Amino acid sequence: MVNKVVEMNGKVRVDTQPPVSDFWFAQVDVRLGRIEFMVSRLEWQIWMIVCGCAGLLIFEIVKALSGRTL
């Protein structure tokens, strides 16, 4: 059997990353964006509840310390 491997001179082969599926990554980005939006909205709602409860607690403390009703 004859050796069929030959040397070829020409362009140097540059290793590039394989192409990615842009559509798939776009879908993942959209879903992650929606999840991040929901988490940030939930975070704001939690902060509003915490601040509201802290405000009510401060009013109750002032009411207890002053001895009168507000």
PDB file of N, CA and C in Angstrom:
ATOM      1  N   MET A   1       0.850  -1.177   0.000  1.00  0.00           N
ATOM      2  CA  MET A   1       0.000   0.000   0.000  1.00  0.00           C
ATOM      3  C   MET A   1       0.890   1.233   0.000  1.00  0.00           C
ATOM      4  N   VAL A   2       0.551   2.167  -0.825  1.00  0.00           N
ATOM      5  CA  VAL A   2       1.345   3.384  -0.981  1.00  0.00           C
ATOM      6  C   VAL A   2       0.914   4.398   0.074  1.00  0.00           C
ATOM      7  N   ASN A   3       1.902   5.082   0.660  1.00  0.00           N
ATOM      8  CA  ASN A   3       1.618   6.134   1.647  1.00  0.00           C
ATOM      9  C   ASN A   3       1.014   7.329   0.927  1.00  0.00           C
ATOM     10  N   LYS A   4      -0.231   7.706   1.269  1.00  0.00           N
ATOM     11  CA  LYS A   4      -0.934   8.763   0.546  1.00  0.00           C
ATOM     12  C   LYS A   4      -0.955  10.085   1.299  1.00  0.00           C
ATOM     13  N   VAL A   5      -0.090  10.238   2.311  1.00  0.00           N
ATOM     14  CA  VAL A   5      -0.026  11.492   3.061  1.00  0.00           C
ATOM     15  C   VAL A   5       0.986  12.384   2.384  1.00  0.00           C
ATOM     16  N   VAL A   6       0.563  13.592   2.039  1.00  0.00           N
ATOM     17  CA  VAL A   6       1.462  14.524   1.362  1.00  0.00           C
ATOM     18  C   VAL A   6       1.575  15.799   2.176  1.00  0.00           C
ATOM     19  N   GLU A   7       2.695  16.476   2.068  1.00  0.00           N
ATOM     20  CA  GLU A   7       2.899  17.771   2.715  1.00  0.00           C
ATOM     21  C   GLU A   7       2.291  18.845   1.828  1.00  0.00           C
ATOM     22  N   MET A   8       1.544  19.754   2.445  1.00  0.00           N
ATOM     23  CA  MET A   8       0.961  20.853   1.693  1.00  0.00           C
ATOM     24  C   MET A   8       1.453  22.165   2.288  1.00  0.00           C
ATOM     25  N   ASN A   9       2.015  22.977   1.458  1.00  0.00           N
ATOM     26  CA  ASN A   9       2.452  24.305   1.879  1.00  0.00           C
ATOM     27  C   ASN A   9       1.377  25.304   1.500  1.00  0.00           C
ATOM     28  N   GLY A  10       1.179  26.282   2.341  1.00  0.00           N
ATOM     29  CA  GLY A  10       0.141  27.265   2.057  1.00  0.00           C
ATOM     30  C   GLY A  10      -0.177  28.045   3.313  1.00  0.00           C
ATOM     31  N   LYS A  11      -1.444  28.295   3.507  1.00  0.00           N
ATOM     32  CA  LYS A  11      -1.866  29.051   4.684  1.00  0.00           C
ATOM     33  C   LYS A  11      -1.585  28.265   5.950  1.00  0.00           C
ATOM     34  N   VAL A  12      -1.227  29.027   6.966  1.00  0.00           N
ATOM     35  CA  VAL A  12      -1.040  28.412   8.274  1.00  0.00           C
ATOM     36  C   VAL A  12      -2.416  28.244   8.900  1.00  0.00           C
ATOM     37  N   ARG A  13      -2.655  27.089   9.437  1.00  0.00           N
ATOM     38  CA  ARG A  13      -3.957  26.816  10.040  1.00  0.00           C
ATOM     39  C   ARG A  13      -4.051  27.509  11.386  1.00  0.00           C
ATOM     40  N   VAL A  14      -5.086  28.292  11.531  1.00  0.00           N
ATOM     41  CA  VAL A  14      -5.322  29.007  12.783  1.00  0.00           C
ATOM     42  C   VAL A  14      -6.465  28.307  13.502  1.00  0.00           C
ATOM     43  N   ASP A  15      -6.221  27.948  14.741  1.00  0.00           N
ATOM     44  CA  ASP A  15      -7.286  27.309  15.522  1.00  0.00           C
ATOM     45  C   ASP A  15      -8.294  28.361  15.957  1.00  0.00           C
ATOM     46  N   THR A  16      -9.514  28.180  15.533  1.00  0.00           N
ATOM     47  CA  THR A  16     -10.587  29.077  15.937  1.00  0.00           C
ATOM     48  C   THR A  16     -11.595  28.290  16.747  1.00  0.00           C
ATOM     49  N   GLN A  17     -12.343  29.030  17.544  1.00  0.00           N
ATOM     50  CA  GLN A  17     -13.374  28.363  18.319  1.00  0.00           C
ATOM     51  C   GLN A  17     -14.494  27.920  17.389  1.00  0.00           C
ATOM     52  N   PRO A  18     -15.118  26.821  17.705  1.00  0.00           N
ATOM     53  CA  PRO A  18     -16.205  26.363  16.843  1.00  0.00           C
ATOM     54  C   PRO A  18     -17.377  27.346  16.895  1.00  0.00           C
ATOM     55  N   PRO A  19     -18.100  27.449  15.796  1.00  0.00           N
ATOM     56  CA  PRO A  19     -19.232  28.379  15.793  1.00  0.00           C
ATOM     57  C   PRO A  19     -20.298  27.933  16.783  1.00  0.00           C
ATOM     58  N   VAL A  20     -20.898  28.912  17.401  1.00  0.00           N
ATOM     59  CA  VAL A  20     -21.937  28.609  18.392  1.00  0.00           C
ATOM     60  C   VAL A  20     -23.298  28.858  17.771  1.00  0.00           C
ATOM     61  N   SER A  21     -24.254  28.255  18.365  1.00  0.00           N
ATOM     62  CA  SER A  21     -25.619  28.449  17.892  1.00  0.00           C
ATOM     63  C   SER A  21     -26.142  29.761  18.485  1.00  0.00           C
ATOM     64  N   ASP A  22     -26.132  30.804  17.678  1.00  0.00           N
ATOM     65  CA  ASP A  22     -26.549  32.122  18.163  1.00  0.00           C
ATOM     66  C   ASP A  22     -28.004  32.124  18.605  1.00  0.00           C
ATOM     67  N   PHE A  23     -28.846  31.390  17.898  1.00  0.00           N
ATOM     68  CA  PHE A  23     -30.261  31.362  18.258  1.00  0.00           C
ATOM     69  C   PHE A  23     -30.450  30.748  19.637  1.00  0.00           C
ATOM     70  N   TRP A  24     -29.745  29.664  19.909  1.00  0.00           N
ATOM     71  CA  TRP A  24     -29.886  28.999  21.207  1.00  0.00           C
ATOM     72  C   TRP A  24     -29.417  29.918  22.330  1.00  0.00           C
ATOM     73  N   PHE A  25     -28.260  30.570  22.136  1.00  0.00           N
ATOM     74  CA  PHE A  25     -27.752  31.466  23.166  1.00  0.00           C
ATOM     75  C   PHE A  25     -28.649  32.685  23.326  1.00  0.00           C
ATOM     76  N   ALA A  26     -29.280  33.137  22.253  1.00  0.00           N
ATOM     77  CA  ALA A  26     -30.212  34.259  22.352  1.00  0.00           C
ATOM     78  C   ALA A  26     -31.415  33.857  23.195  1.00  0.00           C
ATOM     79  N   GLN A  27     -31.914  32.645  23.008  1.00  0.00           N
ATOM     80  CA  GLN A  27     -33.038  32.176  23.814  1.00  0.00           C
ATOM     81  C   GLN A  27     -32.651  32.074  25.285  1.00  0.00           C
ATOM     82  N   VAL A  28     -31.446  31.579  25.554  1.00  0.00           N
ATOM     83  CA  VAL A  28     -30.979  31.480  26.933  1.00  0.00           C
ATOM     84  C   VAL A  28     -30.851  32.871  27.543  1.00  0.00           C
ATOM     85  N   ASP A  29     -30.313  33.827  26.779  1.00  0.00           N
ATOM     86  CA  ASP A  29     -30.176  35.194  27.273  1.00  0.00           C
ATOM     87  C   ASP A  29     -31.531  35.816  27.581  1.00  0.00           C
ATOM     88  N   VAL A  30     -32.517  35.566  26.722  1.00  0.00           N
ATOM     89  CA  VAL A  30     -33.854  36.116  26.959  1.00  0.00           C
ATOM     90  C   VAL A  30     -34.453  35.533  28.231  1.00  0.00           C
ATOM     91  N   ARG A  31     -34.334  34.238  28.398  1.00  0.00           N
ATOM     92  CA  ARG A  31     -34.891  33.599  29.600  1.00  0.00           C
ATOM     93  C   ARG A  31     -34.170  34.065  30.857  1.00  0.00           C
ATOM     94  N   LEU A  32     -32.849  34.164  30.803  1.00  0.00           N
ATOM     95  CA  LEU A  32     -32.106  34.650  31.959  1.00  0.00           C
ATOM     96  C   LEU A  32     -32.440  36.110  32.256  1.00  0.00           C
ATOM     97  N   GLY A  33     -32.663  36.889  31.216  1.00  0.00           N
ATOM     98  CA  GLY A  33     -33.070  38.288  31.412  1.00  0.00           C
ATOM     99  C   GLY A  33     -34.411  38.382  32.117  1.00  0.00           C
ATOM    100  N   ARG A  34     -35.340  37.521  31.728  1.00  0.00           N
ATOM    101  CA  ARG A  34     -36.650  37.512  32.395  1.00  0.00           C
ATOM    102  C   ARG A  34     -36.528  37.092  33.851  1.00  0.00           C
ATOM    103  N   ILE A  35     -35.687  36.097  34.108  1.00  0.00           N
ATOM    104  CA  ILE A  35     -35.486  35.643  35.485  1.00  0.00           C
ATOM    105  C   ILE A  35     -34.860  36.750  36.313  1.00  0.00           C
ATOM    106  N   GLU A  36     -33.863  37.445  35.756  1.00  0.00           N
ATOM    107  CA  GLU A  36     -33.229  38.543  36.479  1.00  0.00           C
ATOM    108  C   GLU A  36     -34.227  39.658  36.754  1.00  0.00           C
ATOM    109  N   PHE A  37     -35.111  39.948  35.801  1.00  0.00           N
ATOM    110  CA  PHE A  37     -36.125  40.978  35.999  1.00  0.00           C
ATOM    111  C   PHE A  37     -37.076  40.589  37.127  1.00  0.00           C
ATOM    112  N   MET A  38     -37.502  39.332  37.143  1.00  0.00           N
ATOM    113  CA  MET A  38     -38.410  38.873  38.197  1.00  0.00           C
ATOM    114  C   MET A  38     -37.730  38.927  39.570  1.00  0.00           C
ATOM    115  N   VAL A  39     -36.457  38.537  39.629  1.00  0.00           N
ATOM    116  CA  VAL A  39     -35.736  38.555  40.900  1.00  0.00           C
ATOM    117  C   VAL A  39     -35.559  39.989  41.387  1.00  0.00           C
ATOM    118  N   SER A  40     -35.237  40.918  40.487  1.00  0.00           N
ATOM    119  CA  SER A  40     -35.073  42.310  40.916  1.00  0.00           C
ATOM    120  C   SER A  40     -36.400  42.904  41.364  1.00  0.00           C
ATOM    121  N   ARG A  41     -37.487  42.547  40.688  1.00  0.00           N
ATOM    122  CA  ARG A  41     -38.803  43.032  41.105  1.00  0.00           C
ATOM    123  C   ARG A  41     -39.189  42.467  42.470  1.00  0.00           C
ATOM    124  N   LEU A  42     -38.898  41.188  42.688  1.00  0.00           N
ATOM    125  CA  LEU A  42     -39.166  40.568  43.981  1.00  0.00           C
ATOM    126  C   LEU A  42     -38.326  41.219  45.073  1.00  0.00           C
ATOM    127  N   GLU A  43     -37.082  41.545  44.743  1.00  0.00           N
ATOM    128  CA  GLU A  43     -36.208  42.200  45.716  1.00  0.00           C
ATOM    129  C   GLU A  43     -36.777  43.555  46.131  1.00  0.00           C
ATOM    130  N   TRP A  44     -37.252  44.334  45.152  1.00  0.00           N
ATOM    131  CA  TRP A  44     -37.866  45.629  45.483  1.00  0.00           C
ATOM    132  C   TRP A  44     -39.112  45.452  46.343  1.00  0.00           C
ATOM    133  N   GLN A  45     -39.925  44.462  46.046  1.00  0.00           N
ATOM    134  CA  GLN A  45     -41.129  44.226  46.840  1.00  0.00           C
ATOM    135  C   GLN A  45     -40.771  43.848  48.267  1.00  0.00           C
ATOM    136  N   ILE A  46     -39.756  43.026  48.428  1.00  0.00           N
ATOM    137  CA  ILE A  46     -39.332  42.642  49.776  1.00  0.00           C
ATOM    138  C   ILE A  46     -38.819  43.854  50.537  1.00  0.00           C
ATOM    139  N   TRP A  47     -38.025  44.705  49.868  1.00  0.00           N
ATOM    140  CA  TRP A  47     -37.524  45.908  50.528  1.00  0.00           C
ATOM    141  C   TRP A  47     -38.666  46.833  50.932  1.00  0.00           C
ATOM    142  N   MET A  48     -39.694  46.961  50.090  1.00  0.00           N
ATOM    143  CA  MET A  48     -40.846  47.810  50.453  1.00  0.00           C
ATOM    144  C   MET A  48     -41.571  47.250  51.672  1.00  0.00           C
ATOM    145  N   ILE A  49     -41.744  45.944  51.731  1.00  0.00           N
ATOM    146  CA  ILE A  49     -42.404  45.323  52.884  1.00  0.00           C
ATOM    147  C   ILE A  49     -41.569  45.531  54.143  1.00  0.00           C
ATOM    148  N   VAL A  50     -40.252  45.331  54.045  1.00  0.00           N
ATOM    149  CA  VAL A  50     -39.374  45.502  55.205  1.00  0.00           C
ATOM    150  C   VAL A  50     -39.403  46.949  55.687  1.00  0.00           C
ATOM    151  N   CYS A  51     -39.318  47.897  54.769  1.00  0.00           N
ATOM    152  CA  CYS A  51     -39.342  49.315  55.164  1.00  0.00           C
ATOM    153  C   CYS A  51     -40.696  49.700  55.753  1.00  0.00           C
ATOM    154  N   GLY A  52     -41.770  49.181  55.194  1.00  0.00           N
ATOM    155  CA  GLY A  52     -43.099  49.464  55.753  1.00  0.00           C
ATOM    156  C   GLY A  52     -43.242  48.912  57.152  1.00  0.00           C
ATOM    157  N   CYS A  53     -42.783  47.697  57.365  1.00  0.00           N
ATOM    158  CA  CYS A  53     -42.852  47.113  58.710  1.00  0.00           C
ATOM    159  C   CYS A  53     -41.964  47.875  59.684  1.00  0.00           C
ATOM    160  N   ALA A  54     -40.796  48.311  59.229  1.00  0.00           N
ATOM    161  CA  ALA A  54     -39.913  49.090  60.104  1.00  0.00           C
ATOM    162  C   ALA A  54     -40.566  50.418  60.469  1.00  0.00           C
ATOM    163  N   GLY A  55     -41.246  51.038  59.509  1.00  0.00           N
ATOM    164  CA  GLY A  55     -41.958  52.293  59.798  1.00  0.00           C
ATOM    165  C   GLY A  55     -43.055  52.082  60.820  1.00  0.00           C
ATOM    166  N   LEU A  56     -43.838  51.032  60.652  1.00  0.00           N
ATOM    167  CA  LEU A  56     -44.895  50.745  61.633  1.00  0.00           C
ATOM    168  C   LEU A  56     -44.309  50.444  63.010  1.00  0.00           C
ATOM    169  N   LEU A  57     -43.197  49.735  63.050  1.00  0.00           N
ATOM    170  CA  LEU A  57     -42.542  49.434  64.315  1.00  0.00           C
ATOM    171  C   LEU A  57     -42.065  50.713  64.994  1.00  0.00           C
ATOM    172  N   ILE A  58     -41.517  51.634  64.224  1.00  0.00           N
ATOM    173  CA  ILE A  58     -41.070  52.910  64.798  1.00  0.00           C
ATOM    174  C   ILE A  58     -42.258  53.670  65.360  1.00  0.00           C
ATOM    175  N   PHE A  59     -43.373  53.711  64.638  1.00  0.00           N
ATOM    176  CA  PHE A  59     -44.572  54.379  65.163  1.00  0.00           C
ATOM    177  C   PHE A  59     -45.036  53.740  66.465  1.00  0.00           C
ATOM    178  N   GLU A  60     -45.014  52.423  66.527  1.00  0.00           N
ATOM    179  CA  GLU A  60     -45.428  51.733  67.754  1.00  0.00           C
ATOM    180  C   GLU A  60     -44.466  52.017  68.907  1.00  0.00           C
ATOM    181  N   ILE A  61     -43.179  52.090  68.629  1.00  0.00           N
ATOM    182  CA  ILE A  61     -42.208  52.401  69.676  1.00  0.00           C
ATOM    183  C   ILE A  61     -42.421  53.818  70.187  1.00  0.00           C
ATOM    184  N   VAL A  62     -42.622  54.767  69.270  1.00  0.00           N
ATOM    185  CA  VAL A  62     -42.886  56.154  69.682  1.00  0.00           C
ATOM    186  C   VAL A  62     -44.170  56.226  70.490  1.00  0.00           C
ATOM    187  N   LYS A  63     -45.171  55.512  70.080  1.00  0.00           N
ATOM    188  CA  LYS A  63     -46.449  55.502  70.795  1.00  0.00           C
ATOM    189  C   LYS A  63     -46.271  54.925  72.197  1.00  0.00           C
ATOM    190  N   ALA A  64     -45.492  53.857  72.319  1.00  0.00           N
ATOM    191  CA  ALA A  64     -45.272  53.235  73.643  1.00  0.00           C
ATOM    192  C   ALA A  64     -44.437  54.130  74.535  1.00  0.00           C
ATOM    193  N   LEU A  65     -43.455  54.802  73.989  1.00  0.00           N
ATOM    194  CA  LEU A  65     -42.593  55.658  74.793  1.00  0.00           C
ATOM    195  C   LEU A  65     -43.252  56.951  75.195  1.00  0.00           C
ATOM    196  N   SER A  66     -44.129  57.484  74.354  1.00  0.00           N
ATOM    197  CA  SER A  66     -44.781  58.752  74.686  1.00  0.00           C
ATOM    198  C   SER A  66     -45.957  58.559  75.625  1.00  0.00           C
ATOM    199  N   GLY A  67     -46.516  57.389  75.663  1.00  0.00           N
ATOM    200  CA  GLY A  67     -47.643  57.121  76.539  1.00  0.00           C
ATOM    201  C   GLY A  67     -48.953  57.676  76.044  1.00  0.00           C
ATOM    202  N   ARG A  68     -49.003  58.099  74.834  1.00  0.00           N
ATOM    203  CA  ARG A  68     -50.257  58.601  74.288  1.00  0.00           C
ATOM    204  C   ARG A  68     -50.529  57.940  72.960  1.00  0.00           C
ATOM    205  N   THR A  69     -51.736  58.058  72.483  1.00  0.00           N
ATOM    206  CA  THR A  69     -52.108  57.430  71.212  1.00  0.00           C
ATOM    207  C   THR A  69     -51.830  58.406  70.077  1.00  0.00           C
ATOM    208  N   LEU A  70     -51.432  57.866  68.969  1.00  0.00           N
ATOM    209  CA  LEU A  70     -51.177  58.709  67.786  1.00  0.00           C
ATOM    210  C   LEU A  70     -52.357  58.710  66.865  1.00  0.00           C
TER     211      LEU A  70
END
